[in-house]
């Protein structure tokens, strides 16, 4: 997998898990504060789309993932 694919996979997983933990109707509900994490991930996605820089992608590349186009 390319680095950008891993970043999208991780972001999507973070969003789905934090929604499951933050929505009161969920069977794995913990606290509504998990929705703040969902917002944090969304803001980071927005920032990376505007600036074309993503800290998660830098980390994934340092861990050895190939750069994708």
PDB file of N, CA and C in Angstrom:
ATOM      1  N   UNK A   1       0.839  -1.188   0.000  1.00  0.00           N
ATOM      2  CA  UNK A   1       0.000   0.000   0.000  1.00  0.00           C
ATOM      3  C   UNK A   1       0.881   1.247   0.000  1.00  0.00           C
ATOM      4  N   UNK A   2       0.415   2.242  -0.670  1.00  0.00           N
ATOM      5  CA  UNK A   2       1.105   3.531  -0.703  1.00  0.00           C
ATOM      6  C   UNK A   2       0.782   4.317   0.556  1.00  0.00           C
ATOM      7  N   UNK A   3       1.623   5.301   0.864  1.00  0.00           N
ATOM      8  CA  UNK A   3       1.458   6.070   2.099  1.00  0.00           C
ATOM      9  C   UNK A   3       0.108   6.780   2.152  1.00  0.00           C
ATOM     10  N   UNK A   4      -0.353   7.329   1.032  1.00  0.00           N
ATOM     11  CA  UNK A   4      -1.637   8.050   1.053  1.00  0.00           C
ATOM     12  C   UNK A   4      -2.802   7.098   1.303  1.00  0.00           C
ATOM     13  N   UNK A   5      -2.675   5.852   0.856  1.00  0.00           N
ATOM     14  CA  UNK A   5      -3.732   4.873   1.098  1.00  0.00           C
ATOM     15  C   UNK A   5      -3.793   4.499   2.575  1.00  0.00           C
ATOM     16  N   UNK A   6      -2.638   4.361   3.203  1.00  0.00           N
ATOM     17  CA  UNK A   6      -2.595   4.035   4.625  1.00  0.00           C
ATOM     18  C   UNK A   6      -3.178   5.173   5.445  1.00  0.00           C
ATOM     19  N   UNK A   7      -2.854   6.412   5.085  1.00  0.00           N
ATOM     20  CA  UNK A   7      -3.379   7.575   5.799  1.00  0.00           C
ATOM     21  C   UNK A   7      -4.902   7.596   5.722  1.00  0.00           C
ATOM     22  N   UNK A   8      -5.470   7.362   4.567  1.00  0.00           N
ATOM     23  CA  UNK A   8      -6.924   7.357   4.417  1.00  0.00           C
ATOM     24  C   UNK A   8      -7.555   6.201   5.180  1.00  0.00           C
ATOM     25  N   UNK A   9      -6.902   5.051   5.182  1.00  0.00           N
ATOM     26  CA  UNK A   9      -7.402   3.899   5.926  1.00  0.00           C
ATOM     27  C   UNK A   9      -7.417   4.186   7.430  1.00  0.00           C
ATOM     28  N   UNK A  10      -6.337   4.773   7.935  1.00  0.00           N
ATOM     29  CA  UNK A  10      -6.251   5.106   9.356  1.00  0.00           C
ATOM     30  C   UNK A  10      -7.284   6.173   9.720  1.00  0.00           C
ATOM     31  N   UNK A  11      -7.405   7.222   8.896  1.00  0.00           N
ATOM     32  CA  UNK A  11      -8.369   8.289   9.180  1.00  0.00           C
ATOM     33  C   UNK A  11      -9.796   7.740   9.199  1.00  0.00           C
ATOM     34  N   UNK A  12     -10.143   6.922   8.233  1.00  0.00           N
ATOM     35  CA  UNK A  12     -11.479   6.334   8.197  1.00  0.00           C
ATOM     36  C   UNK A  12     -11.751   5.449   9.396  1.00  0.00           C
ATOM     37  N   UNK A  13     -10.755   4.669   9.796  1.00  0.00           N
ATOM     38  CA  UNK A  13     -10.896   3.810  10.971  1.00  0.00           C
ATOM     39  C   UNK A  13     -11.081   4.647  12.230  1.00  0.00           C
ATOM     40  N   UNK A  14     -10.255   5.706  12.384  1.00  0.00           N
ATOM     41  CA  UNK A  14     -10.394   6.588  13.546  1.00  0.00           C
ATOM     42  C   UNK A  14     -11.787   7.199  13.619  1.00  0.00           C
ATOM     43  N   UNK A  15     -12.303   7.640  12.492  1.00  0.00           N
ATOM     44  CA  UNK A  15     -13.624   8.269  12.477  1.00  0.00           C
ATOM     45  C   UNK A  15     -14.712   7.269  12.866  1.00  0.00           C
ATOM     46  N   UNK A  16     -14.680   6.087  12.273  1.00  0.00           N
ATOM     47  CA  UNK A  16     -15.710   5.093  12.574  1.00  0.00           C
ATOM     48  C   UNK A  16     -15.652   4.619  14.024  1.00  0.00           C
ATOM     49  N   UNK A  17     -14.454   4.401  14.548  1.00  0.00           N
ATOM     50  CA  UNK A  17     -14.312   3.954  15.935  1.00  0.00           C
ATOM     51  C   UNK A  17     -14.765   5.045  16.896  1.00  0.00           C
ATOM     52  N   UNK A  18     -14.345   6.295  16.637  1.00  0.00           N
ATOM     53  CA  UNK A  18     -14.730   7.375  17.544  1.00  0.00           C
ATOM     54  C   UNK A  18     -16.234   7.649  17.489  1.00  0.00           C
ATOM     55  N   UNK A  19     -16.853   7.478  16.335  1.00  0.00           N
ATOM     56  CA  UNK A  19     -18.309   7.611  16.257  1.00  0.00           C
ATOM     57  C   UNK A  19     -19.000   6.505  17.058  1.00  0.00           C
ATOM     58  N   UNK A  20     -18.487   5.271  16.925  1.00  0.00           N
ATOM     59  CA  UNK A  20     -19.075   4.159  17.674  1.00  0.00           C
ATOM     60  C   UNK A  20     -18.950   4.385  19.180  1.00  0.00           C
ATOM     61  N   UNK A  21     -17.852   4.971  19.615  1.00  0.00           N
ATOM     62  CA  UNK A  21     -17.641   5.212  21.041  1.00  0.00           C
ATOM     63  C   UNK A  21     -18.352   6.464  21.546  1.00  0.00           C
ATOM     64  N   UNK A  22     -18.763   7.359  20.629  1.00  0.00           N
ATOM     65  CA  UNK A  22     -19.320   8.637  21.046  1.00  0.00           C
ATOM     66  C   UNK A  22     -20.806   8.824  20.853  1.00  0.00           C
ATOM     67  N   UNK A  23     -21.458   7.951  20.112  1.00  0.00           N
ATOM     68  CA  UNK A  23     -22.889   8.098  19.875  1.00  0.00           C
ATOM     69  C   UNK A  23     -23.659   7.288  20.922  1.00  0.00           C
ATOM     70  N   UNK A  24     -24.540   7.947  21.677  1.00  0.00           N
ATOM     71  CA  UNK A  24     -25.239   7.262  22.781  1.00  0.00           C
ATOM     72  C   UNK A  24     -25.988   5.993  22.393  1.00  0.00           C
ATOM     73  N   UNK A  25     -26.488   5.873  21.193  1.00  0.00           N
ATOM     74  CA  UNK A  25     -27.231   4.683  20.797  1.00  0.00           C
ATOM     75  C   UNK A  25     -26.356   3.493  20.446  1.00  0.00           C
ATOM     76  N   UNK A  26     -25.051   3.690  20.393  1.00  0.00           N
ATOM     77  CA  UNK A  26     -24.133   2.619  20.023  1.00  0.00           C
ATOM     78  C   UNK A  26     -23.984   1.597  21.145  1.00  0.00           C
ATOM     79  N   UNK A  27     -23.851   0.332  20.799  1.00  0.00           N
ATOM     80  CA  UNK A  27     -23.666  -0.687  21.840  1.00  0.00           C
ATOM     81  C   UNK A  27     -22.316  -0.588  22.558  1.00  0.00           C
ATOM     82  N   UNK A  28     -21.376   0.143  21.980  1.00  0.00           N
ATOM     83  CA  UNK A  28     -20.054   0.305  22.606  1.00  0.00           C
ATOM     84  C   UNK A  28     -19.836   1.742  23.079  1.00  0.00           C
ATOM     85  N   UNK A  29     -20.937   2.459  23.307  1.00  0.00           N
ATOM     86  CA  UNK A  29     -20.858   3.861  23.755  1.00  0.00           C
ATOM     87  C   UNK A  29     -20.034   3.976  25.046  1.00  0.00           C
ATOM     88  N   UNK A  30     -19.131   4.975  25.051  1.00  0.00           N
ATOM     89  CA  UNK A  30     -18.322   5.256  26.235  1.00  0.00           C
ATOM     90  C   UNK A  30     -18.618   6.658  26.745  1.00  0.00           C
ATOM     91  N   UNK A  31     -18.444   7.649  25.862  1.00  0.00           N
ATOM     92  CA  UNK A  31     -18.646   9.044  26.242  1.00  0.00           C
ATOM     93  C   UNK A  31     -18.854   9.873  24.979  1.00  0.00           C
ATOM     94  N   UNK A  32     -19.655  10.917  25.108  1.00  0.00           N
ATOM     95  CA  UNK A  32     -19.857  11.810  23.961  1.00  0.00           C
ATOM     96  C   UNK A  32     -18.586  12.579  23.622  1.00  0.00           C
ATOM     97  N   UNK A  33     -17.616  12.602  24.523  1.00  0.00           N
ATOM     98  CA  UNK A  33     -16.348  13.291  24.261  1.00  0.00           C
ATOM     99  C   UNK A  33     -15.578  12.654  23.113  1.00  0.00           C
ATOM    100  N   UNK A  34     -15.896  11.413  22.764  1.00  0.00           N
ATOM    101  CA  UNK A  34     -15.242  10.787  21.617  1.00  0.00           C
ATOM    102  C   UNK A  34     -15.577  11.523  20.319  1.00  0.00           C
ATOM    103  N   UNK A  35     -16.695  12.245  20.309  1.00  0.00           N
ATOM    104  CA  UNK A  35     -17.046  13.017  19.115  1.00  0.00           C
ATOM    105  C   UNK A  35     -16.065  14.153  18.882  1.00  0.00           C
ATOM    106  N   UNK A  36     -15.400  14.617  19.931  1.00  0.00           N
ATOM    107  CA  UNK A  36     -14.355  15.635  19.767  1.00  0.00           C
ATOM    108  C   UNK A  36     -13.185  15.058  18.971  1.00  0.00           C
ATOM    109  N   UNK A  37     -12.894  13.778  19.184  1.00  0.00           N
ATOM    110  CA  UNK A  37     -11.833  13.128  18.403  1.00  0.00           C
ATOM    111  C   UNK A  37     -12.239  13.026  16.932  1.00  0.00           C
ATOM    112  N   UNK A  38     -13.512  12.741  16.690  1.00  0.00           N
ATOM    113  CA  UNK A  38     -14.020  12.708  15.323  1.00  0.00           C
ATOM    114  C   UNK A  38     -13.819  14.069  14.654  1.00  0.00           C
ATOM    115  N   UNK A  39     -14.142  15.144  15.369  1.00  0.00           N
ATOM    116  CA  UNK A  39     -13.953  16.490  14.846  1.00  0.00           C
ATOM    117  C   UNK A  39     -12.474  16.779  14.601  1.00  0.00           C
ATOM    118  N   UNK A  40     -11.601  16.334  15.504  1.00  0.00           N
ATOM    119  CA  UNK A  40     -10.163  16.534  15.359  1.00  0.00           C
ATOM    120  C   UNK A  40      -9.651  15.885  14.075  1.00  0.00           C
ATOM    121  N   UNK A  41     -10.073  14.664  13.813  1.00  0.00           N
ATOM    122  CA  UNK A  41      -9.658  13.967  12.592  1.00  0.00           C
ATOM    123  C   UNK A  41     -10.186  14.714  11.362  1.00  0.00           C
ATOM    124  N   UNK A  42     -11.435  15.166  11.427  1.00  0.00           N
ATOM    125  CA  UNK A  42     -12.012  15.914  10.310  1.00  0.00           C
ATOM    126  C   UNK A  42     -11.269  17.211  10.029  1.00  0.00           C
ATOM    127  N   UNK A  43     -10.905  17.931  11.084  1.00  0.00           N
ATOM    128  CA  UNK A  43     -10.151  19.174  10.921  1.00  0.00           C
ATOM    129  C   UNK A  43      -8.780  18.885  10.302  1.00  0.00           C
ATOM    130  N   UNK A  44      -8.143  17.808  10.737  1.00  0.00           N
ATOM    131  CA  UNK A  44      -6.845  17.451  10.162  1.00  0.00           C
ATOM    132  C   UNK A  44      -6.958  17.059   8.692  1.00  0.00           C
ATOM    133  N   UNK A  45      -8.039  16.378   8.327  1.00  0.00           N
ATOM    134  CA  UNK A  45      -8.254  16.053   6.915  1.00  0.00           C
ATOM    135  C   UNK A  45      -8.456  17.320   6.091  1.00  0.00           C
ATOM    136  N   UNK A  46      -9.227  18.256   6.629  1.00  0.00           N
ATOM    137  CA  UNK A  46      -9.444  19.528   5.950  1.00  0.00           C
ATOM    138  C   UNK A  46      -8.133  20.291   5.795  1.00  0.00           C
ATOM    139  N   UNK A  47      -7.361  20.362   6.866  1.00  0.00           N
ATOM    140  CA  UNK A  47      -6.069  21.057   6.834  1.00  0.00           C
ATOM    141  C   UNK A  47      -5.130  20.425   5.811  1.00  0.00           C
ATOM    142  N   UNK A  48      -5.059  19.097   5.773  1.00  0.00           N
ATOM    143  CA  UNK A  48      -4.142  18.452   4.836  1.00  0.00           C
ATOM    144  C   UNK A  48      -4.601  18.638   3.392  1.00  0.00           C
ATOM    145  N   UNK A  49      -5.903  18.720   3.186  1.00  0.00           N
ATOM    146  CA  UNK A  49      -6.410  18.974   1.839  1.00  0.00           C
ATOM    147  C   UNK A  49      -6.082  20.374   1.346  1.00  0.00           C
ATOM    148  N   UNK A  50      -6.055  21.343   2.266  1.00  0.00           N
ATOM    149  CA  UNK A  50      -5.768  22.719   1.888  1.00  0.00           C
ATOM    150  C   UNK A  50      -4.274  23.007   1.773  1.00  0.00           C
ATOM    151  N   UNK A  51      -3.475  22.400   2.656  1.00  0.00           N
ATOM    152  CA  UNK A  51      -2.042  22.715   2.681  1.00  0.00           C
ATOM    153  C   UNK A  51      -1.187  21.675   1.972  1.00  0.00           C
ATOM    154  N   UNK A  52      -1.752  20.525   1.645  1.00  0.00           N
ATOM    155  CA  UNK A  52      -1.038  19.409   1.015  1.00  0.00           C
ATOM    156  C   UNK A  52       0.092  18.889   1.902  1.00  0.00           C
ATOM    157  N   UNK A  53      -0.073  19.012   3.228  1.00  0.00           N
ATOM    158  CA  UNK A  53       0.875  18.465   4.198  1.00  0.00           C
ATOM    159  C   UNK A  53       0.104  17.726   5.267  1.00  0.00           C
ATOM    160  N   UNK A  54       0.549  16.516   5.584  1.00  0.00           N
ATOM    161  CA  UNK A  54      -0.150  15.691   6.561  1.00  0.00           C
ATOM    162  C   UNK A  54       0.880  15.016   7.465  1.00  0.00           C
ATOM    163  N   UNK A  55       0.782  15.285   8.763  1.00  0.00           N
ATOM    164  CA  UNK A  55       1.717  14.694   9.717  1.00  0.00           C
ATOM    165  C   UNK A  55       1.631  13.175   9.708  1.00  0.00           C
ATOM    166  N   UNK A  56       0.434  12.626   9.600  1.00  0.00           N
ATOM    167  CA  UNK A  56       0.285  11.168   9.579  1.00  0.00           C
ATOM    168  C   UNK A  56       1.020  10.559   8.391  1.00  0.00           C
ATOM    169  N   UNK A  57       0.994  11.221   7.256  1.00  0.00           N
ATOM    170  CA  UNK A  57       1.701  10.697   6.083  1.00  0.00           C
ATOM    171  C   UNK A  57       3.202  10.745   6.297  1.00  0.00           C
ATOM    172  N   UNK A  58       3.695  11.775   6.943  1.00  0.00           N
ATOM    173  CA  UNK A  58       5.123  11.851   7.270  1.00  0.00           C
ATOM    174  C   UNK A  58       5.514  10.677   8.170  1.00  0.00           C
ATOM    175  N   UNK A  59       4.690  10.408   9.170  1.00  0.00           N
ATOM    176  CA  UNK A  59       4.962   9.303  10.092  1.00  0.00           C
ATOM    177  C   UNK A  59       4.928   7.964   9.360  1.00  0.00           C
ATOM    178  N   UNK A  60       3.924   7.774   8.514  1.00  0.00           N
ATOM    179  CA  UNK A  60       3.786   6.505   7.773  1.00  0.00           C
ATOM    180  C   UNK A  60       4.962   6.303   6.841  1.00  0.00           C
ATOM    181  N   UNK A  61       5.435   7.368   6.205  1.00  0.00           N
ATOM    182  CA  UNK A  61       6.609   7.246   5.321  1.00  0.00           C
ATOM    183  C   UNK A  61       7.855   6.878   6.114  1.00  0.00           C
ATOM    184  N   UNK A  62       8.018   7.475   7.298  1.00  0.00           N
ATOM    185  CA  UNK A  62       9.175   7.136   8.139  1.00  0.00           C
ATOM    186  C   UNK A  62       9.129   5.689   8.616  1.00  0.00           C
ATOM    187  N   UNK A  63       7.927   5.135   8.700  1.00  0.00           N
ATOM    188  CA  UNK A  63       7.773   3.728   9.079  1.00  0.00           C
ATOM    189  C   UNK A  63       8.021   2.789   7.906  1.00  0.00           C
ATOM    190  N   UNK A  64       8.258   3.347   6.717  1.00  0.00           N
ATOM    191  CA  UNK A  64       8.649   2.527   5.588  1.00  0.00           C
ATOM    192  C   UNK A  64       7.656   2.383   4.453  1.00  0.00           C
ATOM    193  N   UNK A  65       6.523   3.035   4.525  1.00  0.00           N
ATOM    194  CA  UNK A  65       5.555   2.919   3.430  1.00  0.00           C
ATOM    195  C   UNK A  65       6.059   3.687   2.204  1.00  0.00           C
ATOM    196  N   UNK A  66       5.864   3.126   1.028  1.00  0.00           N
ATOM    197  CA  UNK A  66       6.310   3.831  -0.176  1.00  0.00           C
ATOM    198  C   UNK A  66       5.460   5.050  -0.486  1.00  0.00           C
ATOM    199  N   UNK A  67       6.117   6.042  -1.068  1.00  0.00           N
ATOM    200  CA  UNK A  67       5.422   7.261  -1.472  1.00  0.00           C
ATOM    201  C   UNK A  67       4.557   6.939  -2.680  1.00  0.00           C
ATOM    202  N   UNK A  68       3.333   7.405  -2.680  1.00  0.00           N
ATOM    203  CA  UNK A  68       2.431   7.165  -3.799  1.00  0.00           C
ATOM    204  C   UNK A  68       2.170   8.419  -4.583  1.00  0.00           C
ATOM    205  N   UNK A  69       1.615   8.233  -5.757  1.00  0.00           N
ATOM    206  CA  UNK A  69       1.286   9.406  -6.587  1.00  0.00           C
ATOM    207  C   UNK A  69      -0.205   9.520  -6.774  1.00  0.00           C
TER     208      UNK A  69
END
